[in-house]
Protein backbone atom coordinates (compact mmCIF):
# COMPACT_ATOMS: atom_id res chain seq x y z
CA MET A 1 -33.27 92.00 28.14
CA GLY A 2 -31.08 93.74 30.73
CA ILE A 3 -27.89 92.85 32.58
CA ARG A 4 -27.13 89.19 33.19
CA VAL A 5 -24.76 88.07 35.92
CA SER A 6 -23.22 84.70 35.13
CA LYS A 7 -21.72 82.56 37.85
CA PHE A 8 -19.63 79.57 36.72
CA GLY A 9 -19.04 76.66 39.11
CA GLY A 10 -15.86 74.67 39.65
CA SER A 11 -16.60 72.13 36.93
CA SER A 12 -17.11 74.98 34.45
CA VAL A 13 -13.58 76.32 35.02
CA ALA A 14 -11.80 73.03 35.74
CA ASP A 15 -9.45 73.24 32.76
CA ALA A 16 -8.71 75.19 29.59
CA ASP A 17 -11.38 73.42 27.52
CA GLN A 18 -14.05 74.32 30.07
CA MET A 19 -12.85 77.91 30.21
CA ARG A 20 -13.17 78.13 26.44
CA LYS A 21 -16.81 77.16 26.87
CA VAL A 22 -17.16 79.96 29.40
CA ARG A 23 -15.73 82.44 26.91
CA ALA A 24 -18.08 81.25 24.17
CA ILE A 25 -21.10 81.50 26.48
CA VAL A 26 -20.23 85.02 27.62
CA ARG A 27 -19.48 86.25 24.12
CA ALA A 28 -22.75 84.79 22.79
CA GLU A 29 -24.78 87.31 24.79
CA PRO A 30 -23.60 90.94 25.24
CA ASP A 31 -25.87 91.31 28.28
CA ARG A 32 -23.64 88.86 30.19
CA ARG A 33 -21.64 91.72 31.60
CA PHE A 34 -20.50 90.41 34.98
CA VAL A 35 -18.92 86.99 35.49
CA VAL A 36 -18.41 85.27 38.85
CA PRO A 37 -16.00 82.30 38.67
CA SER A 38 -15.35 79.56 41.20
CA ALA A 39 -12.00 77.85 41.76
CA PRO A 40 -11.15 75.03 39.32
CA GLY A 41 -12.93 71.84 40.32
CA LYS A 42 -12.24 68.21 39.52
CA ARG A 43 -11.30 67.22 35.96
CA SER A 44 -12.02 63.57 36.74
CA PRO A 45 -13.37 61.60 39.74
CA ALA A 46 -9.81 60.95 40.94
CA ASP A 47 -8.77 64.60 40.67
CA ILE A 48 -8.48 67.06 43.58
CA LYS A 49 -10.22 70.42 43.68
CA ILE A 50 -7.94 73.45 43.87
CA THR A 51 -9.72 74.62 47.03
CA ASP A 52 -8.98 71.30 48.73
CA LEU A 53 -5.32 71.58 47.76
CA LEU A 54 -5.19 75.07 49.22
CA TYR A 55 -6.72 73.88 52.49
CA ARG A 56 -4.12 71.10 52.63
CA THR A 57 -1.37 73.62 52.01
CA HIS A 58 -2.58 75.76 54.91
CA ASP A 59 -2.76 72.69 57.17
CA ALA A 60 0.78 71.71 56.19
CA VAL A 61 2.08 75.08 57.39
CA ALA A 62 0.22 74.66 60.67
CA ALA A 63 1.83 71.23 61.08
CA GLY A 64 5.32 72.62 60.37
CA GLU A 65 5.61 70.73 57.10
CA SER A 66 6.93 71.88 53.72
CA ILE A 67 4.30 73.16 51.30
CA ASP A 68 6.44 73.08 48.17
CA SER A 69 5.07 69.81 46.85
CA LEU A 70 1.41 70.70 47.45
CA PHE A 71 1.74 74.21 46.11
CA GLY A 72 3.60 72.82 43.12
CA LEU A 73 0.42 70.94 42.17
CA ILE A 74 -1.58 74.17 42.42
CA SER A 75 0.93 76.17 40.41
CA ALA A 76 1.19 73.48 37.72
CA ARG A 77 -2.59 73.36 37.35
CA TYR A 78 -2.89 77.09 36.69
CA HIS A 79 0.16 77.16 34.42
CA GLU A 80 -1.34 74.34 32.37
CA ILE A 81 -4.61 76.26 31.99
CA VAL A 82 -2.85 79.49 30.97
CA THR A 83 -0.60 77.70 28.48
CA ASP A 84 -3.44 75.69 26.93
CA LEU A 85 -5.50 78.86 26.52
CA GLY A 86 -2.61 80.55 24.75
CA LEU A 87 -2.64 83.51 27.13
CA SER A 88 0.47 85.65 27.27
CA PHE A 89 0.11 87.13 30.75
CA ASP A 90 2.35 86.06 33.61
CA LEU A 91 0.67 84.45 36.62
CA ASP A 92 3.92 83.81 38.49
CA LEU A 93 3.84 86.97 40.60
CA ALA A 94 0.32 86.22 41.84
CA LEU A 95 1.22 82.59 42.55
CA ALA A 96 4.35 83.62 44.42
CA GLU A 97 2.40 86.05 46.58
CA VAL A 98 -0.15 83.36 47.49
CA HIS A 99 2.64 80.87 48.28
CA ASP A 100 4.52 83.34 50.47
CA ARG A 101 1.50 84.53 52.43
CA ILE A 102 0.36 80.99 53.17
CA GLN A 103 3.92 80.09 54.14
CA GLN A 104 3.99 83.07 56.49
CA GLY A 105 0.86 81.89 58.30
CA ALA A 106 -2.09 83.50 56.51
CA GLY A 107 -5.40 82.16 57.74
CA ALA A 108 -7.40 79.28 56.27
CA ASP A 109 -9.91 81.71 54.73
CA TYR A 110 -7.17 83.50 52.82
CA ALA A 111 -5.71 80.21 51.58
CA ALA A 112 -9.06 78.80 50.46
CA SER A 113 -10.12 82.02 48.71
CA ARG A 114 -7.07 82.12 46.45
CA GLY A 115 -8.52 79.45 44.17
CA GLU A 116 -11.30 81.83 43.14
CA TYR A 117 -8.91 84.80 43.03
CA LEU A 118 -6.45 83.07 40.68
CA SER A 119 -9.31 81.71 38.59
CA GLY A 120 -10.64 85.26 38.34
CA LEU A 121 -7.29 86.52 37.06
CA VAL A 122 -7.32 83.90 34.29
CA ILE A 123 -10.95 84.52 33.32
CA ALA A 124 -10.44 88.29 33.32
CA GLU A 125 -7.51 87.91 30.92
CA LEU A 126 -9.46 85.44 28.78
CA LEU A 127 -12.46 87.78 28.48
CA ASP A 128 -10.41 91.01 28.41
CA ARG A 129 -12.40 92.41 31.31
CA PRO A 130 -11.26 94.01 34.58
CA LEU A 131 -10.88 91.93 37.71
CA ILE A 132 -12.88 93.44 40.56
CA ASP A 133 -11.74 92.04 43.91
CA PRO A 134 -14.75 91.24 46.12
CA ALA A 135 -12.62 92.02 49.19
CA THR A 136 -13.14 95.69 48.32
CA MET A 137 -16.95 95.33 48.38
CA ILE A 138 -18.22 92.30 50.31
CA ARG A 139 -18.09 93.08 54.00
CA PHE A 140 -18.11 91.13 57.25
CA ASP A 141 -18.02 92.52 60.79
CA VAL A 142 -15.24 91.86 63.32
CA HIS A 143 -16.99 88.66 64.40
CA GLY A 144 -17.12 87.32 60.86
CA GLN A 145 -20.83 87.98 60.37
CA PHE A 146 -21.87 88.96 56.86
CA LEU A 147 -23.12 92.55 56.51
CA PRO A 148 -25.71 92.38 53.71
CA GLU A 149 -26.87 95.99 53.56
CA GLU A 150 -23.38 97.51 53.74
CA THR A 151 -22.24 94.99 51.14
CA GLN A 152 -25.06 95.73 48.72
CA ALA A 153 -24.44 99.47 48.95
CA ALA A 154 -20.72 98.99 48.31
CA VAL A 155 -21.31 96.57 45.43
CA SER A 156 -23.81 98.88 43.75
CA GLU A 157 -21.42 101.81 44.04
CA ARG A 158 -18.34 99.94 42.84
CA LEU A 159 -19.89 97.99 39.98
CA GLY A 160 -21.86 101.00 38.86
CA GLU A 161 -18.52 102.39 37.71
CA GLU A 162 -17.82 99.44 35.39
CA PRO A 163 -19.59 98.38 32.19
CA SER A 164 -18.48 94.79 32.81
CA GLY A 165 -16.11 92.79 34.98
CA VAL A 166 -15.01 89.56 36.62
CA VAL A 167 -15.72 89.17 40.34
CA PRO A 168 -14.19 86.06 41.99
CA GLY A 169 -16.64 84.17 44.18
CA PHE A 170 -16.56 82.83 47.74
CA TYR A 171 -15.01 85.64 49.78
CA GLY A 172 -15.04 89.19 51.09
CA ALA A 173 -13.14 90.98 53.87
CA LEU A 174 -13.25 91.80 57.56
CA PRO A 175 -12.97 95.45 58.70
CA ASP A 176 -9.16 95.13 58.92
CA GLY A 177 -8.99 93.95 55.31
CA SER A 178 -8.24 90.30 56.06
CA ILE A 179 -10.03 87.75 53.91
CA LYS A 180 -13.25 86.09 55.10
CA THR A 181 -15.02 83.33 53.16
CA PHE A 182 -18.68 82.43 53.12
CA SER A 183 -19.46 79.24 55.01
CA ARG A 184 -22.02 77.83 52.56
CA GLY A 185 -22.48 78.07 48.79
CA GLY A 186 -19.75 80.71 48.63
CA SER A 187 -19.58 81.51 44.93
CA ASP A 188 -23.36 81.22 44.62
CA VAL A 189 -23.71 83.87 47.32
CA THR A 190 -21.26 86.17 45.56
CA GLY A 191 -23.10 85.79 42.28
CA ALA A 192 -26.41 86.65 43.94
CA ILE A 193 -24.88 89.69 45.65
CA VAL A 194 -23.45 90.96 42.36
CA ALA A 195 -26.77 90.36 40.56
CA ARG A 196 -28.66 92.38 43.13
CA GLY A 197 -25.99 95.06 43.21
CA VAL A 198 -26.20 95.74 39.47
CA GLY A 199 -29.98 95.29 39.27
CA ALA A 200 -29.65 92.29 36.97
CA ALA A 201 -32.57 91.10 34.91
CA VAL A 202 -31.49 87.50 35.57
CA TYR A 203 -28.85 85.66 37.57
CA GLU A 204 -27.41 82.74 35.60
CA ASN A 205 -25.85 79.87 37.54
CA TRP A 206 -23.77 77.73 35.16
CA THR A 207 -22.88 74.21 36.30
CA ASP A 208 -22.37 70.67 34.95
CA VAL A 209 -25.96 69.45 35.29
CA PRO A 210 -29.00 70.20 33.10
CA GLY A 211 -30.75 71.98 35.98
CA LEU A 212 -32.56 70.99 39.14
CA LEU A 213 -33.79 67.42 38.89
CA MET A 214 -37.19 66.29 40.14
CA THR A 215 -35.50 63.92 42.54
CA ASP A 216 -32.15 62.37 43.46
CA PRO A 217 -30.62 60.56 40.43
CA ARG A 218 -28.93 58.16 42.85
CA VAL A 219 -32.41 56.94 43.81
CA VAL A 220 -34.39 57.34 40.55
CA ASP A 221 -32.72 56.61 37.24
CA SER A 222 -32.62 59.68 34.94
CA PRO A 223 -35.27 61.84 36.64
CA ARG A 224 -36.83 64.70 34.73
CA THR A 225 -35.39 68.20 34.91
CA ILE A 226 -37.55 70.80 36.63
CA GLU A 227 -38.23 73.48 34.03
CA GLU A 228 -39.40 76.17 36.45
CA LEU A 229 -40.20 76.61 40.11
CA THR A 230 -40.69 79.31 42.71
CA TYR A 231 -38.37 80.35 45.51
CA ARG A 232 -40.82 78.82 48.00
CA GLU A 233 -40.66 75.46 46.24
CA LEU A 234 -36.87 75.68 46.10
CA ARG A 235 -36.73 76.27 49.84
CA GLU A 236 -38.87 73.21 50.54
CA LEU A 237 -36.75 71.01 48.26
CA ALA A 238 -33.43 72.40 49.50
CA TYR A 239 -34.39 71.87 53.12
CA MET A 240 -35.24 68.25 52.37
CA GLY A 241 -31.93 67.55 50.67
CA ALA A 242 -31.87 68.88 47.09
CA THR A 243 -28.29 70.17 46.76
CA VAL A 244 -27.64 71.73 43.33
CA LEU A 245 -28.47 75.21 44.59
CA HIS A 246 -29.18 76.03 48.22
CA ASP A 247 -31.92 78.58 48.80
CA GLU A 248 -29.86 80.49 51.39
CA ALA A 249 -27.15 81.06 48.78
CA ILE A 250 -29.47 83.07 46.55
CA PHE A 251 -31.18 85.11 49.28
CA PRO A 252 -30.04 88.48 47.81
CA VAL A 253 -31.74 87.87 44.45
CA ARG A 254 -34.80 86.33 46.07
CA GLU A 255 -35.23 89.49 48.14
CA ALA A 256 -34.88 91.65 45.02
CA GLY A 257 -37.20 89.47 42.93
CA ILE A 258 -34.47 88.68 40.40
CA PRO A 259 -35.06 85.33 38.65
CA VAL A 260 -32.37 82.64 38.67
CA HIS A 261 -31.59 80.49 35.64
CA ILE A 262 -29.60 77.30 36.21
CA ARG A 263 -27.75 76.38 33.00
CA ASN A 264 -25.41 73.63 31.80
CA THR A 265 -21.98 74.85 30.66
CA ASN A 266 -21.56 71.67 28.60
CA ASN A 267 -24.94 72.10 26.89
CA PRO A 268 -25.72 75.82 26.81
CA GLU A 269 -28.67 75.35 24.46
CA ALA A 270 -30.56 73.25 27.03
CA ALA A 271 -33.50 74.95 28.73
CA GLY A 272 -32.18 74.51 32.27
CA THR A 273 -34.26 75.46 35.31
CA ARG A 274 -35.79 78.87 35.99
CA ILE A 275 -36.49 80.01 39.55
CA SER A 276 -38.63 83.06 40.23
CA ARG A 277 -40.77 84.62 42.91
CA GLY A 278 -44.13 83.58 41.48
CA GLY A 279 -43.32 81.22 38.63
CA LEU A 280 -43.56 81.91 34.94
CA GLU A 281 -46.77 83.09 33.31
CA GLY A 282 -49.63 80.62 33.34
CA SER A 283 -50.43 77.68 35.58
CA PRO A 284 -47.81 75.00 36.21
CA THR A 285 -48.00 72.11 33.77
CA GLU A 286 -47.00 69.48 36.35
CA ARG A 287 -48.93 68.60 39.49
CA ILE A 288 -45.72 68.14 41.46
CA THR A 289 -42.43 69.99 41.10
CA GLY A 290 -40.06 67.67 42.90
CA ILE A 291 -39.46 65.02 45.54
CA ALA A 292 -36.72 65.29 48.14
CA GLY A 293 -35.96 63.67 51.44
CA ARG A 294 -33.48 62.85 54.15
CA LYS A 295 -32.82 59.98 56.50
CA ASP A 296 -31.96 59.76 60.19
CA PHE A 297 -34.63 61.61 62.12
CA THR A 298 -35.97 60.74 65.56
CA ILE A 299 -39.64 61.30 66.35
CA LEU A 300 -40.94 61.85 69.87
CA ALA A 301 -44.65 60.91 69.77
CA LEU A 302 -46.59 62.22 72.77
CA GLU A 303 -50.18 61.39 73.69
CA LYS A 304 -52.22 62.97 76.44
CA THR A 305 -55.97 63.09 76.94
CA LEU A 306 -57.34 66.65 76.71
CA MET A 307 -53.96 67.96 75.57
CA ASN A 308 -55.74 70.64 73.57
CA ALA A 309 -57.39 72.01 76.73
CA GLU A 310 -54.19 72.12 78.76
CA VAL A 311 -52.93 75.69 78.57
CA GLY A 312 -49.14 75.88 78.23
CA PHE A 313 -48.54 72.25 77.19
CA GLY A 314 -46.79 73.18 73.95
CA ARG A 315 -44.78 75.91 75.65
CA ARG A 316 -43.49 73.52 78.30
CA LEU A 317 -42.57 70.91 75.70
CA LEU A 318 -40.69 73.39 73.52
CA GLY A 319 -39.12 74.90 76.62
CA VAL A 320 -37.45 71.57 77.36
CA LEU A 321 -35.99 71.53 73.84
CA GLU A 322 -34.79 75.11 74.24
CA LYS A 323 -33.15 74.29 77.56
CA HIS A 324 -31.17 71.52 75.87
CA GLY A 325 -30.28 73.72 72.88
CA ILE A 326 -32.23 71.55 70.44
CA SER A 327 -34.23 72.87 67.49
CA TRP A 328 -37.16 70.91 66.11
CA GLU A 329 -37.81 70.16 62.44
CA HIS A 330 -41.55 69.41 62.28
CA MET A 331 -44.41 69.22 64.76
CA PRO A 332 -47.53 67.46 63.41
CA SER A 333 -50.36 67.20 65.93
CA GLY A 334 -53.85 65.86 66.64
CA ILE A 335 -56.37 66.69 69.35
CA ASP A 336 -54.64 64.49 71.93
CA THR A 337 -51.34 63.80 70.17
CA LEU A 338 -48.26 65.76 69.26
CA SER A 339 -45.08 64.60 67.54
CA ILE A 340 -41.74 66.36 67.57
CA VAL A 341 -39.37 65.55 64.71
CA LEU A 342 -35.68 65.97 65.57
CA LYS A 343 -32.44 65.27 63.74
CA SER A 344 -30.96 62.10 65.18
CA ASP A 345 -27.40 63.43 65.22
CA VAL A 346 -28.55 66.48 67.21
CA VAL A 347 -30.07 64.40 70.02
CA ALA A 348 -27.36 61.71 70.03
CA GLY A 349 -26.19 61.15 73.60
CA ARG A 350 -28.90 63.45 74.98
CA LEU A 351 -32.06 61.55 74.16
CA ASP A 352 -32.54 59.80 77.54
CA ALA A 353 -32.16 63.06 79.47
CA LEU A 354 -34.49 64.84 77.05
CA VAL A 355 -37.21 62.19 77.36
CA GLU A 356 -36.91 62.17 81.15
CA GLU A 357 -37.36 65.93 81.40
CA ILE A 358 -40.32 65.93 78.97
CA GLN A 359 -41.97 63.28 81.14
CA LEU A 360 -41.41 65.45 84.20
CA GLU A 361 -42.55 68.74 82.65
CA CYS A 362 -45.44 67.58 80.46
CA ARG A 363 -46.58 64.31 82.09
CA PRO A 364 -47.89 62.73 78.88
CA ASP A 365 -50.00 59.54 79.01
CA SER A 366 -47.43 57.99 76.69
CA LEU A 367 -44.22 59.03 75.00
CA GLU A 368 -42.87 56.86 72.22
CA VAL A 369 -39.39 57.33 70.74
CA GLN A 370 -39.17 56.41 67.06
CA PRO A 371 -35.54 56.52 65.81
CA GLY A 372 -34.29 55.70 62.34
CA MET A 373 -36.96 57.65 60.49
CA ALA A 374 -36.78 59.21 57.03
CA LEU A 375 -38.81 62.18 55.78
CA ILE A 376 -39.83 62.56 52.13
CA ALA A 377 -41.43 65.76 50.84
CA THR A 378 -43.53 65.89 47.69
CA VAL A 379 -43.49 69.55 46.64
CA GLY A 380 -45.42 71.46 44.02
CA ARG A 381 -47.65 74.49 43.70
CA GLY A 382 -49.42 72.55 40.93
CA MET A 383 -51.08 70.38 43.56
CA THR A 384 -52.42 73.33 45.56
CA HIS A 385 -56.20 73.14 45.80
CA VAL A 386 -56.21 70.23 43.31
CA PRO A 387 -58.40 67.35 44.50
CA GLY A 388 -56.93 63.87 44.42
CA THR A 389 -53.26 64.63 45.01
CA ALA A 390 -53.14 63.09 48.47
CA ALA A 391 -55.19 60.14 47.27
CA MET A 392 -52.68 59.48 44.47
CA LEU A 393 -49.74 59.67 46.83
CA PHE A 394 -51.12 57.55 49.66
CA GLY A 395 -52.76 55.12 47.27
CA ALA A 396 -49.43 54.48 45.55
CA LEU A 397 -47.67 53.96 48.89
CA ALA A 398 -50.41 51.62 50.09
CA GLN A 399 -50.17 49.57 46.90
CA ALA A 400 -46.40 49.32 47.42
CA ARG A 401 -47.09 48.19 51.01
CA ILE A 402 -45.01 50.99 52.51
CA ASN A 403 -45.84 51.73 56.13
CA ILE A 404 -46.31 55.48 56.70
CA ARG A 405 -45.35 56.45 60.25
CA MET A 406 -46.07 60.17 60.01
CA ILE A 407 -47.91 62.66 57.76
CA ASP A 408 -47.41 66.42 57.77
CA GLN A 409 -48.87 69.02 55.40
CA GLY A 410 -48.55 72.77 55.71
CA SER A 411 -51.51 75.14 55.38
CA SER A 412 -50.15 76.35 52.04
CA GLU A 413 -50.70 72.87 50.56
CA LEU A 414 -47.35 73.33 48.83
CA ASN A 415 -45.99 70.03 50.10
CA ILE A 416 -46.91 66.73 51.71
CA ILE A 417 -44.31 65.16 54.01
CA VAL A 418 -44.42 61.49 54.93
CA GLY A 419 -42.29 59.75 57.53
CA VAL A 420 -41.16 56.17 56.90
CA GLU A 421 -38.48 53.85 58.20
CA ASN A 422 -34.97 54.57 56.93
CA ASP A 423 -34.98 51.23 55.11
CA ASP A 424 -38.04 52.30 53.09
CA PHE A 425 -36.59 55.65 52.00
CA GLU A 426 -35.46 54.80 48.45
CA ARG A 427 -38.52 52.69 47.71
CA THR A 428 -40.82 55.48 48.89
CA VAL A 429 -39.15 58.08 46.66
CA ARG A 430 -39.34 55.80 43.63
CA THR A 431 -42.99 54.95 44.32
CA ILE A 432 -44.02 58.62 44.53
CA TYR A 433 -42.02 59.51 41.42
CA ASP A 434 -43.60 56.68 39.45
CA ALA A 435 -47.09 57.66 40.59
CA PHE A 436 -46.83 61.30 39.53
CA VAL A 437 -44.28 61.31 36.72
CA VAL A 438 -43.93 57.94 35.02
CA GLU A 439 -47.68 57.47 34.70
CA ASP A 440 -47.94 60.88 33.01
CA ASP A 441 -45.40 59.96 30.29
């Protein structure tokens, strides 16, 4: 099949039992040559992630407090894992170095990254594979900006020398060698970089869920798992709040056309979710792929007669937003109407000044401010060019007596976004899910 790169999340390496599952998964498939571990996550809801403990340790040094108690929790956690796994190697030197460097004032990025580094040492010993420090390959500039092309060249060169290895996630290095962490989806980014660097046939992302779910399980009870989707669909769902895997975190493999397979460490036989550039062979079996949404938007609804004939109207409106340093989310329009969708927290404290300047620059006939709005996106390439999809969606919402305040659909027909009051958010998601999924069962 070709090389597989397997990234394991914090829940997958939380304790010795989980690490044994990792070993069994890796040994079950010889093509799983490169492993990217996270730091140990929570073992129970009341537990504390190793990364959080490391951040607290760094903060304690900054506050002039002793770190012995906090670091003792970290050290005990790793010692327990090593002992339970029956490993004979000594982790004390590595732990002592981490303790001393944090005590001496090492930065927050260094402190946070040591969870992955120590986890990598344990996994490398468990799998009898070399540890390859990402600080020698993953590069940031002096301002902390990630350097993708330099990184990919270095990763390809370094990993091309190894038949297999363990690469800790989450971090790389600045030009002076000091540690720099990724700001979002750290270990996912590392896994994607490694997958692209070795020309992997697939990038496996192992976690504690069966895959991407069709919608939020906190809103819909036991939603279906998405079997397969495209990168474009993932981007739409991730933007609207789906959080298992952020599309920006897998940019390197998306660019290279490498498929991603989300798998469950606790149920490795489950199908999981496959993500690819164009989907698997054949037409999608479901009309919709998923439903995602977010609350707390503010809509500025402008109306002006002959707006479409007024050259520069849109430029002036967007120029006001640019002047205030505000980015817009959506901009549905009609012949004499135009709505700007903004995040409420972004315009908090600035809304009155923004509205006043729009009135001055654009002179609309009316400008209505609609706060407390939620956006819900119904996404799926299966509904592209399929008659009746919009009728099903809006018919279901009408029957549920949900008031739709805004509708937006892109030219690709990949999604339909509706705006409703915050209070109607959960009911809207459940109504759409029931219309497209429950009725098909």
